């Protein structure tokens, strides 16, 4: 029994040591990562009276924003800075311009494809969950809507003009446009807007107020709209049909 107890104690000690070593290694890795992050987050001050400093920082903002928009979130910022320094300081870059062009084109193409698939999947998941909620109706095209208030006026045709109040949002709640916030309703042709709007307006009557959920293929699709609506975005509109003109 004593021999068995000693063996058991040794086994437990070895296991605990292995766990401690593993935990210690994980802690070291975490600390290294934090140190790198702190170095990257070194506070930079800008002399607002110096045109060169302002332009330098402004160019960095534009570059970073453009790269993130195109799906370049996984780029290594330290290597990006190193390449810029090499070129500006007259050092020989570790890659030629031809090599750089080929690598970047391939990377950005794949990054954009990955981002597009992610946006499409997120939109589909949102609509699949949304259609199970109380009061949600789905049309043959995949467009969804919920009636908030019912009117008894005219229903527009595709050739009519309408006056509406609306608020447009992304699925995360970000407002990208709102006639309500502007305090002035919008007037336009039913067939002069995105397909989702053209469809839903012809289902409504004057006085109706609906929440409309528009799949990306009935919205702005792969193009997106400006800097506010990313490509493949599912759109959410609160629409009040005020008048058929």
Foldseek 3Di string as FASTA:
>chain_A
DVVVVVVVVVVVVVVVVVVVVVVVVVVVVVVVVVVVVCVVPPDDDADPVDPVRVVVVVVVVVVVVVCVLLQVPPDDVVVVVVQVCCVVVVHDDPDDPVRVVVVVVVVSVVRNVVVLVVLQVVLVVVLVVVCPDPQWDADPVGKIKHWPWADDAAQDAQAWKFWKWKWKDFPVRHTDDGPVVVVHIDIDGLNPFFQQSVVVSNVGGAFTWMKIKAFQVSHVAQVADDPPGRHRTTMIMTMHTHDTD
